[in-house]
Amino acid sequence: LQKENPQGRWGQFLTNDQSDLRWEKVIMAGSSHGSTTAARFSMHQSVDRVVMFCGPRDNTETWQGGRSATPPHRFFGFTHVLDKGWQEDHYCRSWQLLKLNQCGDVVNVEKSSPPYENTRRLITDCDLKGNVRQAHSGVVPKQSAFKNAEGVFRHEAVWKYLFLHPVDKIGEAVGQDADCEMTP
């Protein structure tokens, strides 16, 4: 990438001898099963942060509760409350196993504003206008993401928070969510 696109300054992500990545500068992000992959990878390799949209999906697995190379305060999750994975406690269970409750409560971005109590667990209940299928993908930064009445991306501030919020600013730890079923 550095050779093909030097203006992208890709060299900053390589060690001085260019033999490896500077993992402390890498952000792993994914949606749905991609968020599972990002989280799982980051448990084995310490990274700058992990951004999980509508996931992780491995709700019947316990790997999220294991030892992690990337600490919990570097994991961020965002989903819609009508996403089937949220409604069936997949995500809340995964987020708790990843110990994200140590970094704040679940915060609805429609009822809060940045820095969202410095939490790592964000949800939205924005109006889907009858399109419940959009609940799973509408939180992801892409063309089909939720837009406001003016056609502007509704969650742009959330995306900035997920990718740019200082990881050392952490919300107040809370106990496990009483309404989240922890046994699959």
Foldseek 3Di string as FASTA:
>chain_A
DCVVCVVVVPVVQADPVRPDGPQQADEQEDAECSLVVQQLVQQVPAHVAYEYELDDQPLQDLSLLDHGPHQLLRYAYEFECLPVCNVQLSHLLSNVSVVQLQQDDEAACVVDAPVRQQGRHYYYHDDPVPPSVCRRPQVDPDQNHDADPVRHHPCPRVVCNSVPPPSVRGHHHDDRDPPRDNHD
